[in-house]
Protein backbone atom coordinates (compact mmCIF):
# COMPACT_ATOMS: atom_id res chain seq x y z
CA MET A 1 6.34 -17.05 -32.68
CA ILE A 2 5.65 -15.41 -29.30
CA GLU A 3 7.82 -12.44 -28.48
CA ILE A 4 9.46 -12.01 -25.10
CA LYS A 5 7.68 -8.71 -24.46
CA ASP A 6 4.34 -10.55 -24.67
CA LEU A 7 5.48 -13.12 -22.11
CA LEU A 8 6.83 -10.46 -19.74
CA GLY A 9 3.66 -8.38 -20.05
CA ARG A 10 2.03 -10.48 -17.33
CA PHE A 11 4.73 -9.56 -14.85
CA ASP A 12 4.41 -5.89 -15.71
CA LYS A 13 0.77 -6.01 -14.60
CA LEU A 14 1.77 -7.65 -11.30
CA LEU A 15 4.41 -5.01 -10.61
CA PHE A 16 2.03 -2.23 -11.52
CA SER A 17 -0.53 -3.53 -9.06
CA GLU A 18 2.07 -3.43 -6.27
CA LYS A 19 2.92 0.16 -7.16
CA GLU A 20 -0.78 0.95 -7.22
CA LYS A 21 -1.26 -0.57 -3.75
CA LYS A 22 1.64 1.41 -2.31
CA GLU A 23 0.35 4.62 -3.86
CA SER A 24 -3.14 4.01 -2.41
CA VAL A 25 -1.71 3.31 1.05
CA ARG A 26 0.49 6.42 0.88
CA LYS A 27 -2.36 8.62 -0.30
CA ILE A 28 -4.88 7.42 2.31
CA ILE A 29 -2.46 7.67 5.24
CA SER A 30 -1.39 11.13 4.06
CA GLU A 31 -5.01 12.29 3.94
CA ILE A 32 -5.97 10.88 7.34
CA ILE A 33 -2.98 11.89 9.47
CA ASN A 34 -1.47 14.70 7.34
CA LEU A 35 1.90 12.97 6.95
CA SER A 36 3.79 12.64 3.71
CA ILE A 37 5.30 9.17 3.31
CA LYS A 38 7.59 8.12 0.50
CA ASN A 39 6.69 5.04 -1.54
CA GLU A 40 10.11 3.62 -0.60
CA ASP A 41 9.06 3.64 3.08
CA ILE A 42 6.09 1.35 2.38
CA LYS A 43 6.41 -2.40 1.98
CA ILE A 44 3.47 -4.76 1.51
CA LYS A 45 4.05 -8.45 2.18
CA ASN A 46 1.60 -11.26 2.97
CA GLY A 47 -1.31 -8.91 3.56
CA THR A 48 0.63 -6.68 5.97
CA ILE A 49 1.76 -3.10 5.44
CA TYR A 50 5.21 -2.36 6.83
CA LEU A 51 6.01 1.31 7.35
CA ASN A 52 9.53 2.61 7.79
CA ILE A 53 8.62 5.78 9.71
CA LYS A 54 9.14 7.23 13.17
CA PRO A 55 7.29 5.52 16.05
CA ILE A 56 5.35 8.66 16.94
CA TYR A 57 3.73 8.60 13.49
CA LYS A 58 3.05 4.86 13.77
CA ASN A 59 1.17 5.52 17.03
CA GLU A 60 -1.07 8.01 15.28
CA ILE A 61 -1.68 5.49 12.49
CA PHE A 62 -2.63 2.84 15.04
CA LEU A 63 -5.09 5.24 16.67
CA LYS A 64 -6.81 5.75 13.32
CA TRP A 65 -6.31 2.15 12.12
CA GLU A 66 -10.01 1.38 11.56
CA GLU A 67 -10.54 4.45 9.40
CA ILE A 68 -7.42 3.67 7.34
CA ILE A 69 -8.46 0.05 6.77
CA LEU A 70 -12.00 1.07 5.77
CA ARG A 71 -10.66 3.58 3.24
CA LEU A 72 -8.23 0.97 1.89
CA LYS A 73 -11.09 -1.50 1.44
CA GLU A 74 -13.00 1.09 -0.54
CA SER A 75 -9.96 1.78 -2.70
CA LEU A 76 -8.44 -1.69 -3.17
CA GLY A 77 -11.35 -4.07 -2.61
CA LYS A 78 -10.25 -7.69 -2.16
CA LYS A 79 -6.56 -6.79 -2.35
CA THR A 80 -6.70 -4.84 0.91
CA PRO A 81 -3.90 -5.60 3.39
CA ARG A 82 -5.20 -6.78 6.75
CA ASN A 83 -2.61 -5.32 9.11
CA ILE A 84 -0.28 -2.34 9.50
CA ILE A 85 3.09 -2.59 11.23
């Protein structure tokens, strides 16, 4: 008989990958613009990164958008979000 923990193991991997994506985004943005962002302030949906931060910091992120996306592609590969809002 299959145990429930074996069935739910698939979902654990999906959730872990979302946590991993958020951590990569947080780490890369922190390195590039010297801003510490909480994982709770990052949301990734439909290939877009939503940041819950002050507009002045978002402007700096938009100025360095290309560098951030390139670093994300190196880190995440095919799972790289395409846009930052």
